[in-house]
N, C-alpha and C. Protein backbone atom coordinates (compact mmCIF):
# COMPACT_ATOMS: atom_id res chain seq x y z
N MET A 1 -65.46 -22.14 9.06
CA MET A 1 -64.31 -21.42 9.35
C MET A 1 -65.38 -21.07 10.81
N ASP A 2 -64.70 -21.09 12.23
CA ASP A 2 -65.46 -20.38 13.54
C ASP A 2 -65.25 -19.09 13.23
N ILE A 3 -66.35 -18.19 13.15
CA ILE A 3 -66.18 -16.85 13.17
C ILE A 3 -65.84 -16.30 14.73
N SER A 4 -66.46 -17.04 15.71
CA SER A 4 -66.23 -16.57 17.30
C SER A 4 -64.75 -16.16 17.19
N LYS A 5 -64.09 -16.79 16.75
CA LYS A 5 -62.42 -16.65 17.15
C LYS A 5 -62.17 -15.83 15.89
N VAL A 6 -62.45 -15.29 15.27
CA VAL A 6 -62.47 -14.10 14.15
C VAL A 6 -61.97 -13.08 15.41
N GLN A 7 -60.55 -12.03 14.78
CA GLN A 7 -60.51 -11.14 15.91
C GLN A 7 -60.51 -9.79 14.87
N GLU A 8 -60.86 -8.75 15.43
CA GLU A 8 -60.59 -7.44 14.48
C GLU A 8 -59.36 -6.68 14.80
N LEU A 9 -59.21 -6.28 13.57
CA LEU A 9 -57.98 -5.58 13.67
C LEU A 9 -58.07 -4.22 14.34
N VAL A 10 -57.23 -3.95 15.79
CA VAL A 10 -57.82 -2.43 16.64
C VAL A 10 -56.81 -1.51 15.81
N PRO A 11 -57.75 -0.01 15.38
CA PRO A 11 -57.31 0.66 14.74
C PRO A 11 -55.88 1.53 15.34
N VAL A 12 -54.99 2.04 14.51
CA VAL A 12 -53.53 1.85 15.01
C VAL A 12 -53.38 3.48 14.71
N ILE A 13 -52.79 4.51 15.62
CA ILE A 13 -52.28 5.34 14.37
C ILE A 13 -50.80 6.03 15.14
N MET A 14 -50.38 5.95 13.70
CA MET A 14 -48.77 5.66 13.87
C MET A 14 -48.42 7.61 13.79
N GLU A 15 -49.11 8.67 13.27
CA GLU A 15 -48.43 9.67 13.25
C GLU A 15 -49.68 10.48 13.26
N THR A 16 -49.63 12.10 13.97
CA THR A 16 -50.50 13.33 13.18
C THR A 16 -50.21 14.59 13.73
N TYR A 17 -49.89 14.95 11.96
CA TYR A 17 -49.09 16.27 11.98
C TYR A 17 -50.11 17.78 11.16
N THR A 18 -49.82 18.59 10.75
CA THR A 18 -50.10 19.00 10.39
C THR A 18 -48.98 20.39 8.77
N ASP A 19 -49.51 20.66 8.13
CA ASP A 19 -48.69 21.61 7.25
C ASP A 19 -48.35 22.89 7.50
N MET A 20 -48.52 23.09 9.04
CA MET A 20 -48.01 24.17 10.12
C MET A 20 -46.56 23.92 10.65
N SER A 21 -46.06 25.15 10.93
CA SER A 21 -44.88 24.31 11.74
C SER A 21 -44.68 24.00 13.10
N GLU A 22 -44.03 23.45 13.94
CA GLU A 22 -44.33 23.10 15.21
C GLU A 22 -43.08 23.55 16.00
N LYS A 23 -43.29 23.86 17.25
CA LYS A 23 -42.32 24.50 18.63
C LYS A 23 -42.67 23.92 19.62
N ASN A 24 -42.10 23.48 20.37
CA ASN A 24 -41.92 23.04 21.53
C ASN A 24 -43.20 22.18 22.04
N ASN A 25 -43.63 21.68 20.91
CA ASN A 25 -44.55 20.51 21.07
C ASN A 25 -46.43 21.15 20.53
N TRP A 26 -45.72 22.56 20.14
CA TRP A 26 -47.37 23.58 20.15
C TRP A 26 -46.99 23.80 18.33
N ILE A 27 -48.30 22.88 17.26
CA ILE A 27 -48.65 23.55 15.66
C ILE A 27 -48.88 24.79 16.02
N GLU A 28 -47.73 25.94 15.48
CA GLU A 28 -47.63 27.34 15.38
C GLU A 28 -48.90 27.73 13.79
N VAL A 29 -49.96 28.78 14.26
CA VAL A 29 -51.07 29.06 13.14
C VAL A 29 -50.51 30.51 13.34
N PRO A 30 -50.24 31.15 12.34
CA PRO A 30 -50.03 32.73 11.76
C PRO A 30 -51.18 33.23 12.04
N LYS A 31 -51.73 34.50 12.25
CA LYS A 31 -53.00 34.55 12.76
C LYS A 31 -53.78 35.11 11.44
N GLU A 32 -52.99 35.46 10.38
CA GLU A 32 -53.50 35.24 9.00
C GLU A 32 -53.71 34.32 8.32
N THR A 33 -53.40 33.14 9.23
CA THR A 33 -53.76 31.69 8.29
C THR A 33 -55.07 31.58 7.73
N LYS A 34 -55.75 31.37 6.97
CA LYS A 34 -57.16 30.50 6.57
C LYS A 34 -57.29 29.41 7.30
N GLU A 35 -57.05 28.63 6.09
CA GLU A 35 -57.01 27.11 6.57
C GLU A 35 -55.65 26.04 6.87
N ILE A 36 -55.60 24.90 7.26
CA ILE A 36 -54.32 24.51 8.03
C ILE A 36 -55.42 22.59 7.76
N THR A 37 -54.70 21.86 7.00
CA THR A 37 -54.38 20.28 6.74
C THR A 37 -53.95 19.80 8.10
N ILE A 38 -54.95 18.55 8.72
CA ILE A 38 -54.71 17.55 9.50
C ILE A 38 -54.51 16.75 8.78
N TYR A 39 -53.24 15.85 8.84
CA TYR A 39 -53.20 14.55 8.59
C TYR A 39 -52.76 13.58 9.25
N VAL A 40 -53.35 12.21 9.43
CA VAL A 40 -53.45 11.21 9.87
C VAL A 40 -52.79 9.87 9.30
N LYS A 41 -51.59 9.22 9.35
CA LYS A 41 -51.23 7.94 9.34
C LYS A 41 -51.80 7.27 10.34
N ALA A 42 -52.64 6.20 9.71
CA ALA A 42 -53.63 5.21 10.21
C ALA A 42 -53.80 3.46 9.84
N LYS A 43 -53.58 2.87 10.59
CA LYS A 43 -54.40 1.54 9.73
C LYS A 43 -55.32 0.66 10.67
N HIS A 44 -55.84 -0.30 10.08
CA HIS A 44 -57.37 -0.39 10.31
C HIS A 44 -58.05 0.06 11.24
N THR A 45 -58.66 1.00 9.95
CA THR A 45 -59.05 2.02 10.50
C THR A 45 -60.82 2.15 9.73
N ASP A 46 -61.76 2.93 10.13
CA ASP A 46 -62.90 2.87 8.94
C ASP A 46 -63.51 4.40 9.06
N THR A 47 -63.36 5.08 10.11
CA THR A 47 -63.65 6.87 9.98
C THR A 47 -62.62 7.14 10.97
N MET A 48 -61.81 8.58 10.57
CA MET A 48 -61.17 9.39 11.44
C MET A 48 -62.01 10.44 11.76
N LEU A 49 -62.28 11.00 13.16
CA LEU A 49 -63.26 12.34 14.04
C LEU A 49 -61.83 12.75 14.06
N PHE A 50 -62.29 14.08 13.75
CA PHE A 50 -61.11 15.39 14.43
C PHE A 50 -62.45 15.88 14.97
N TRP A 51 -61.67 16.44 16.15
CA TRP A 51 -62.18 16.89 17.73
C TRP A 51 -61.17 17.82 18.41
N LEU A 52 -61.69 19.21 18.13
CA LEU A 52 -61.23 20.38 18.88
C LEU A 52 -61.85 20.52 20.43
N VAL A 53 -60.41 20.61 20.91
CA VAL A 53 -60.51 20.56 22.47
C VAL A 53 -60.05 21.76 23.32
N PRO A 54 -60.89 21.81 24.03
CA PRO A 54 -59.89 23.18 24.76
C PRO A 54 -58.66 22.46 25.63
N THR A 55 -58.04 23.67 26.21
CA THR A 55 -56.87 23.57 27.24
C THR A 55 -57.43 23.21 28.53
N GLY A 56 -56.88 22.87 29.10
CA GLY A 56 -57.36 22.78 30.84
C GLY A 56 -57.56 21.16 31.03
N THR A 57 -58.45 21.34 32.03
CA THR A 57 -58.57 19.99 33.16
C THR A 57 -60.17 19.82 32.30
N ALA A 58 -60.63 18.29 32.70
CA ALA A 58 -61.68 18.15 32.12
C ALA A 58 -62.80 18.71 31.24
N THR A 59 -61.75 18.87 30.03
CA THR A 59 -62.88 19.66 29.52
C THR A 59 -63.17 19.02 27.83
N TRP A 60 -63.21 17.70 27.87
CA TRP A 60 -63.54 17.02 26.85
C TRP A 60 -65.01 17.01 26.51
N GLU A 61 -65.37 17.14 27.36
CA GLU A 61 -67.30 17.45 27.31
C GLU A 61 -67.29 18.70 26.56
N GLU A 62 -66.14 19.83 26.31
CA GLU A 62 -66.69 21.22 25.84
C GLU A 62 -66.25 20.91 24.05
N ARG A 63 -65.70 19.63 24.31
CA ARG A 63 -65.33 19.58 22.58
C ARG A 63 -66.14 20.00 21.61
N GLN A 64 -65.14 20.03 20.44
CA GLN A 64 -66.48 20.53 18.84
C GLN A 64 -65.98 19.55 17.90
N LEU A 65 -66.69 18.63 17.33
CA LEU A 65 -66.47 18.23 15.99
C LEU A 65 -65.85 18.99 14.91
N ILE A 66 -64.83 19.18 14.39
CA ILE A 66 -64.58 19.83 13.06
C ILE A 66 -64.80 19.35 12.22
N GLY A 67 -64.68 17.72 12.24
CA GLY A 67 -64.96 17.33 10.87
C GLY A 67 -64.41 16.08 10.80
N TYR A 68 -64.43 15.40 10.01
CA TYR A 68 -64.37 13.86 9.57
C TYR A 68 -64.24 13.13 8.46
N ASP A 69 -63.21 12.26 8.47
CA ASP A 69 -63.27 11.40 7.24
C ASP A 69 -63.08 10.30 6.93
N ILE A 70 -63.64 9.40 5.58
CA ILE A 70 -64.24 8.19 5.84
C ILE A 70 -64.13 7.67 4.84
N ASN A 71 -62.92 8.16 4.44
CA ASN A 71 -62.05 7.67 2.92
C ASN A 71 -60.63 7.52 3.23
N GLY A 72 -60.01 6.39 3.79
CA GLY A 72 -58.54 6.08 3.67
C GLY A 72 -57.68 6.06 2.63
N ALA A 73 -58.42 6.10 1.56
CA ALA A 73 -57.43 5.28 0.48
C ALA A 73 -56.76 6.73 0.13
N ASP A 74 -56.76 7.99 0.07
CA ASP A 74 -56.26 8.85 -0.07
C ASP A 74 -55.19 9.54 0.98
N GLY A 75 -55.16 8.28 2.59
CA GLY A 75 -54.84 9.17 3.71
C GLY A 75 -55.98 9.63 4.20
N TRP A 76 -55.64 9.51 5.63
CA TRP A 76 -56.87 10.56 6.19
C TRP A 76 -56.28 12.01 6.38
N SER A 77 -57.30 12.81 6.30
CA SER A 77 -56.77 14.01 6.54
C SER A 77 -57.96 14.85 6.62
N LEU A 78 -58.07 16.13 6.83
CA LEU A 78 -58.98 17.37 7.44
C LEU A 78 -58.83 18.97 6.80
N LYS A 79 -59.13 18.98 5.86
CA LYS A 79 -58.82 20.75 5.29
C LYS A 79 -60.09 21.90 6.63
N TRP A 80 -59.32 22.67 7.64
CA TRP A 80 -59.86 23.01 8.26
C TRP A 80 -59.98 24.52 7.94
N ASN A 81 -60.75 25.06 8.45
CA ASN A 81 -60.64 26.60 8.29
C ASN A 81 -60.59 27.41 9.64
N VAL A 82 -59.73 28.38 9.56
CA VAL A 82 -59.35 28.30 10.86
C VAL A 82 -59.42 30.12 10.40
N SER A 83 -59.78 30.80 9.65
CA SER A 83 -59.50 32.16 9.91
C SER A 83 -60.47 32.73 10.56
N GLY A 84 -59.82 33.54 11.43
CA GLY A 84 -60.33 34.67 12.60
C GLY A 84 -60.44 34.00 13.83
N LYS A 85 -60.12 32.25 14.04
CA LYS A 85 -60.49 31.46 14.94
C LYS A 85 -58.64 31.81 16.27
N MET A 86 -58.73 32.43 17.11
CA MET A 86 -57.87 32.56 18.13
C MET A 86 -57.78 31.18 19.00
N LEU A 87 -56.77 30.43 19.05
CA LEU A 87 -56.31 28.78 19.31
C LEU A 87 -55.99 28.62 20.65
N HIS A 88 -55.68 28.06 21.19
CA HIS A 88 -55.00 27.52 22.54
C HIS A 88 -56.13 26.06 22.84
N HIS A 89 -55.34 25.26 22.11
CA HIS A 89 -56.75 23.78 22.04
C HIS A 89 -56.18 22.88 21.83
N HIS A 90 -56.06 21.81 21.73
CA HIS A 90 -55.88 20.15 21.47
C HIS A 90 -57.00 19.89 20.47
N ILE A 91 -56.18 19.45 19.81
CA ILE A 91 -57.00 18.57 18.31
C ILE A 91 -56.39 17.22 18.75
N CYS A 92 -57.92 16.72 18.92
CA CYS A 92 -57.60 14.84 19.14
C CYS A 92 -58.70 14.57 17.56
N VAL A 93 -57.48 13.57 17.54
CA VAL A 93 -58.04 12.23 16.11
C VAL A 93 -58.50 11.22 16.66
N GLN A 94 -59.55 11.03 16.36
CA GLN A 94 -59.70 9.55 16.73
C GLN A 94 -60.12 8.26 14.98
N ALA A 95 -59.42 7.27 15.08
CA ALA A 95 -59.53 6.37 14.88
C ALA A 95 -60.39 5.53 15.07
N LEU A 96 -61.07 5.48 13.89
CA LEU A 96 -62.62 4.22 14.21
C LEU A 96 -62.67 3.03 13.87
N GLY A 97 -62.20 2.18 14.82
CA GLY A 97 -62.36 0.57 13.75
C GLY A 97 -64.18 0.03 13.74
N VAL A 98 -64.22 -1.31 13.78
CA VAL A 98 -65.67 -1.52 13.65
C VAL A 98 -65.95 -2.03 15.31
N THR A 99 -65.58 -2.45 16.22
CA THR A 99 -65.45 -2.10 17.84
C THR A 99 -64.63 -1.12 18.22
N SER A 100 -63.90 -0.66 17.57
CA SER A 100 -62.42 -0.37 18.96
C SER A 100 -62.28 1.10 18.32
N ILE A 101 -61.75 2.08 19.13
CA ILE A 101 -60.91 3.34 19.33
C ILE A 101 -59.72 3.54 19.74
N SER A 102 -59.16 4.41 18.89
CA SER A 102 -57.86 4.78 19.21
C SER A 102 -57.75 5.99 18.93
N SER A 103 -57.03 7.04 19.55
CA SER A 103 -56.87 8.19 19.61
C SER A 103 -55.01 8.87 20.05
N ASP A 104 -55.38 10.13 19.11
CA ASP A 104 -53.80 11.03 19.36
C ASP A 104 -54.32 12.46 19.62
N LEU A 105 -53.35 13.14 19.75
CA LEU A 105 -53.74 14.36 20.39
C LEU A 105 -52.43 15.34 19.83
N ILE A 106 -52.76 16.44 19.13
CA ILE A 106 -51.40 17.70 18.77
C ILE A 106 -52.00 19.08 19.73
N ASN A 107 -51.58 19.83 19.91
CA ASN A 107 -51.29 21.61 20.67
C ASN A 107 -51.30 22.05 19.35
N VAL A 108 -52.35 22.84 19.69
CA VAL A 108 -52.53 24.16 18.29
C VAL A 108 -52.50 25.25 19.06
N HIS A 109 -52.03 26.33 18.36
CA HIS A 109 -52.22 27.72 19.04
C HIS A 109 -51.95 29.07 18.24
N THR A 110 -52.67 29.89 18.00
CA THR A 110 -52.73 30.82 17.13
C THR A 110 -51.48 31.95 17.72
N GLU A 111 -50.65 31.96 16.40
CA GLU A 111 -49.18 33.17 17.04
C GLU A 111 -49.77 34.75 16.87
N TYR A 112 -49.58 35.12 17.98
CA TYR A 112 -50.23 36.40 18.32
C TYR A 112 -48.73 37.14 17.60
N LYS A 113 -47.83 37.19 16.89
CA LYS A 113 -47.06 37.86 16.21
C LYS A 113 -47.35 39.15 15.43
């Protein structure tokens, strides 16, 4: 077999969602919430990274890694402690393959009611 003709399967993210409700494209986190779970449906993925990114322009360098998942056998997910956090951010998920990356973004904010 000519290994130079073998192509890597690129990671594909089909869906990113949480266990919280969504309104107008924003995940709404009630302020008394202790933990949320972020789920990602993806294929051809070795590792999933979960980043918290401030809203605004050119904020990628201010991102914070909030977790990762290296075992997709049970699905890709992260339980994230949000106790006491005031959110108005993006959560960026990155599906890592051997040599390529796919990304998706969801919006999350704390309800102030």
